[in-house]
Amino acid sequence: MSSGVEQHDPRACDGALAKAFTFLGKRWNGVILATLMSGPATFSGLRRSVGSISDSVLSDRLVELAGAGLVTREVCEGPPVSVTYQLTEAGQSLMPVLDELADWARMHLTLQ
């Protein structure tokens, strides 16, 4: 007799964890979030901080991060007009996890 509760294979990755790694592991998402840890940044400031990211990819990633509720976008009327991005409360709640992941990487991965 089935109870209607789906059984989870203990050897299978937790679905939520797989979803988190898929999202955060997408190129640049984690780096953008980590860059915003130190506070709000403009688009050009993010582009300089992140490195070799193209404008179109940075724009796409910021839209994606905003859509996930991790980043807010604020237009500051000028002149000149500028756009500032910052972490939401949900984005800030990721920072301890990213800090721990960075500590783990420093201890266990050979960074090149």
C-alpha atoms as a PDB file:
ATOM      1  CA  MET A   1       0.000   0.000   0.000  1.00  0.00           C
ATOM      2  CA  SER A   2       1.468   3.378  -1.005  1.00  0.00           C
ATOM      3  CA  SER A   3       1.294   6.318   1.397  1.00  0.00           C
ATOM      4  CA  GLY A   4       1.485   8.826  -1.460  1.00  0.00           C
ATOM      5  CA  VAL A   5       4.829  10.115  -0.180  1.00  0.00           C
ATOM      6  CA  GLU A   6       7.588   9.926  -2.749  1.00  0.00           C
ATOM      7  CA  GLN A   7      10.620   8.052  -1.490  1.00  0.00           C
ATOM      8  CA  HIS A   8      14.004   9.751  -1.882  1.00  0.00           C
ATOM      9  CA  ASP A   9      16.980   7.666  -2.909  1.00  0.00           C
ATOM     10  CA  PRO A  10      19.605   8.512  -0.228  1.00  0.00           C
ATOM     11  CA  ARG A  11      22.361   8.273  -2.853  1.00  0.00           C
ATOM     12  CA  ALA A  12      20.673  10.866  -5.088  1.00  0.00           C
ATOM     13  CA  CYS A  13      21.504  14.531  -4.734  1.00  0.00           C
ATOM     14  CA  ASP A  14      18.858  16.557  -2.948  1.00  0.00           C
ATOM     15  CA  GLY A  15      16.785  18.375  -5.575  1.00  0.00           C
ATOM     16  CA  ALA A  16      17.074  21.742  -3.848  1.00  0.00           C
ATOM     17  CA  LEU A  17      20.859  21.428  -3.637  1.00  0.00           C
ATOM     18  CA  ALA A  18      21.072  20.464  -7.300  1.00  0.00           C
ATOM     19  CA  LYS A  19      18.929  23.484  -8.186  1.00  0.00           C
ATOM     20  CA  ALA A  20      21.152  25.797  -6.093  1.00  0.00           C
ATOM     21  CA  PHE A  21      24.338  24.547  -7.754  1.00  0.00           C
ATOM     22  CA  THR A  22      22.767  24.809 -11.202  1.00  0.00           C
ATOM     23  CA  PHE A  23      21.844  28.439 -10.555  1.00  0.00           C
ATOM     24  CA  LEU A  24      24.933  29.557  -8.628  1.00  0.00           C
ATOM     25  CA  GLY A  25      27.229  27.518 -10.840  1.00  0.00           C
ATOM     26  CA  LYS A  26      26.046  29.298 -13.960  1.00  0.00           C
ATOM     27  CA  ARG A  27      28.990  31.287 -15.186  1.00  0.00           C
ATOM     28  CA  TRP A  28      29.296  34.644 -13.415  1.00  0.00           C
ATOM     29  CA  ASN A  29      26.257  34.371 -11.076  1.00  0.00           C
ATOM     30  CA  GLY A  30      28.268  33.513  -7.972  1.00  0.00           C
ATOM     31  CA  VAL A  31      30.989  36.004  -8.862  1.00  0.00           C
ATOM     32  CA  ILE A  32      28.475  38.833  -9.310  1.00  0.00           C
ATOM     33  CA  LEU A  33      26.820  38.006  -5.993  1.00  0.00           C
ATOM     34  CA  ALA A  34      30.185  37.872  -4.233  1.00  0.00           C
ATOM     35  CA  THR A  35      31.150  41.224  -5.780  1.00  0.00           C
ATOM     36  CA  LEU A  36      27.971  42.777  -4.390  1.00  0.00           C
ATOM     37  CA  MET A  37      28.842  41.507  -0.890  1.00  0.00           C
ATOM     38  CA  SER A  38      30.797  44.691  -0.268  1.00  0.00           C
ATOM     39  CA  GLY A  39      27.810  46.883  -1.127  1.00  0.00           C
ATOM     40  CA  PRO A  40      25.886  48.392  -4.033  1.00  0.00           C
ATOM     41  CA  ALA A  41      27.639  48.808  -7.368  1.00  0.00           C
ATOM     42  CA  THR A  42      26.921  50.414 -10.692  1.00  0.00           C
ATOM     43  CA  PHE A  43      26.855  48.421 -13.909  1.00  0.00           C
ATOM     44  CA  SER A  44      30.273  49.763 -14.938  1.00  0.00           C
ATOM     45  CA  GLY A  45      31.648  49.104 -11.457  1.00  0.00           C
ATOM     46  CA  LEU A  46      30.472  45.501 -11.645  1.00  0.00           C
ATOM     47  CA  ARG A  47      31.944  45.086 -15.120  1.00  0.00           C
ATOM     48  CA  ARG A  48      35.341  46.312 -13.874  1.00  0.00           C
ATOM     49  CA  SER A  49      35.210  44.161 -10.743  1.00  0.00           C
ATOM     50  CA  VAL A  50      34.045  40.970 -12.406  1.00  0.00           C
ATOM     51  CA  GLY A  51      36.645  41.052 -15.150  1.00  0.00           C
ATOM     52  CA  SER A  52      36.303  39.614 -18.614  1.00  0.00           C
ATOM     53  CA  ILE A  53      32.500  39.551 -18.727  1.00  0.00           C
ATOM     54  CA  SER A  54      30.796  41.161 -21.719  1.00  0.00           C
ATOM     55  CA  ASP A  55      28.170  43.860 -21.246  1.00  0.00           C
ATOM     56  CA  SER A  56      25.431  41.658 -22.695  1.00  0.00           C
ATOM     57  CA  VAL A  57      26.260  38.686 -20.448  1.00  0.00           C
ATOM     58  CA  LEU A  58      26.483  40.921 -17.367  1.00  0.00           C
ATOM     59  CA  SER A  59      23.124  42.434 -18.254  1.00  0.00           C
ATOM     60  CA  ASP A  60      21.586  38.970 -18.739  1.00  0.00           C
ATOM     61  CA  ARG A  61      22.975  37.695 -15.438  1.00  0.00           C
ATOM     62  CA  LEU A  62      21.752  40.764 -13.529  1.00  0.00           C
ATOM     63  CA  VAL A  63      18.256  40.295 -14.979  1.00  0.00           C
ATOM     64  CA  GLU A  64      18.398  36.636 -13.949  1.00  0.00           C
ATOM     65  CA  LEU A  65      19.614  37.455 -10.425  1.00  0.00           C
ATOM     66  CA  ALA A  66      16.924  40.120 -10.052  1.00  0.00           C
ATOM     67  CA  GLY A  67      14.301  37.680 -11.304  1.00  0.00           C
ATOM     68  CA  ALA A  68      15.414  35.204  -8.643  1.00  0.00           C
ATOM     69  CA  GLY A  69      14.973  37.911  -5.998  1.00  0.00           C
ATOM     70  CA  LEU A  70      18.669  38.098  -5.107  1.00  0.00           C
ATOM     71  CA  VAL A  71      19.507  41.525  -6.558  1.00  0.00           C
ATOM     72  CA  THR A  72      17.627  44.794  -6.914  1.00  0.00           C
ATOM     73  CA  ARG A  73      18.118  47.349  -9.668  1.00  0.00           C
ATOM     74  CA  GLU A  74      17.719  51.036  -8.895  1.00  0.00           C
ATOM     75  CA  VAL A  75      17.806  53.746 -11.540  1.00  0.00           C
ATOM     76  CA  CYS A  76      19.358  56.947 -10.214  1.00  0.00           C
ATOM     77  CA  GLU A  77      18.199  59.969 -12.184  1.00  0.00           C
ATOM     78  CA  GLY A  78      21.096  62.068 -13.351  1.00  0.00           C
ATOM     79  CA  PRO A  79      22.510  63.673 -15.005  1.00  0.00           C
ATOM     80  CA  PRO A  80      24.077  61.357 -15.723  1.00  0.00           C
ATOM     81  CA  VAL A  81      21.566  58.557 -15.253  1.00  0.00           C
ATOM     82  CA  SER A  82      23.113  55.567 -13.520  1.00  0.00           C
ATOM     83  CA  VAL A  83      21.882  52.171 -12.425  1.00  0.00           C
ATOM     84  CA  THR A  84      22.862  50.675  -9.093  1.00  0.00           C
ATOM     85  CA  TYR A  85      22.587  47.017  -8.144  1.00  0.00           C
ATOM     86  CA  GLN A  86      22.538  45.637  -4.632  1.00  0.00           C
ATOM     87  CA  LEU A  87      21.766  42.428  -2.829  1.00  0.00           C
ATOM     88  CA  THR A  88      18.277  41.842  -1.488  1.00  0.00           C
ATOM     89  CA  GLU A  89      17.738  40.250   1.899  1.00  0.00           C
ATOM     90  CA  ALA A  90      17.628  36.869   0.146  1.00  0.00           C
ATOM     91  CA  GLY A  91      20.898  37.669  -1.628  1.00  0.00           C
ATOM     92  CA  GLN A  92      22.511  38.756   1.628  1.00  0.00           C
ATOM     93  CA  SER A  93      21.424  35.513   3.260  1.00  0.00           C
ATOM     94  CA  LEU A  94      23.629  33.671   0.741  1.00  0.00           C
ATOM     95  CA  MET A  95      26.777  35.474   1.849  1.00  0.00           C
ATOM     96  CA  PRO A  96      27.654  33.199   4.800  1.00  0.00           C
ATOM     97  CA  VAL A  97      27.304  30.211   2.474  1.00  0.00           C
ATOM     98  CA  LEU A  98      29.537  31.816  -0.168  1.00  0.00           C
ATOM     99  CA  ASP A  99      32.083  32.751   2.519  1.00  0.00           C
ATOM    100  CA  GLU A 100      32.167  29.137   3.722  1.00  0.00           C
ATOM    101  CA  LEU A 101      32.511  27.888   0.146  1.00  0.00           C
ATOM    102  CA  ALA A 102      35.405  30.295  -0.459  1.00  0.00           C
ATOM    103  CA  ASP A 103      37.109  29.132   2.754  1.00  0.00           C
ATOM    104  CA  TRP A 104      36.671  25.510   1.701  1.00  0.00           C
ATOM    105  CA  ALA A 105      38.112  26.246  -1.764  1.00  0.00           C
ATOM    106  CA  ARG A 106      41.161  27.978  -0.262  1.00  0.00           C
ATOM    107  CA  MET A 107      41.799  24.949   1.954  1.00  0.00           C
ATOM    108  CA  HIS A 108      41.052  22.130  -0.490  1.00  0.00           C
ATOM    109  CA  LEU A 109      41.389  23.295  -4.071  1.00  0.00           C
ATOM    110  CA  THR A 110      44.510  24.303  -5.878  1.00  0.00           C
ATOM    111  CA  LEU A 111      43.570  27.689  -7.277  1.00  0.00           C
ATOM    112  CA  GLN A 112      45.255  28.600 -10.511  1.00  0.00           C
END
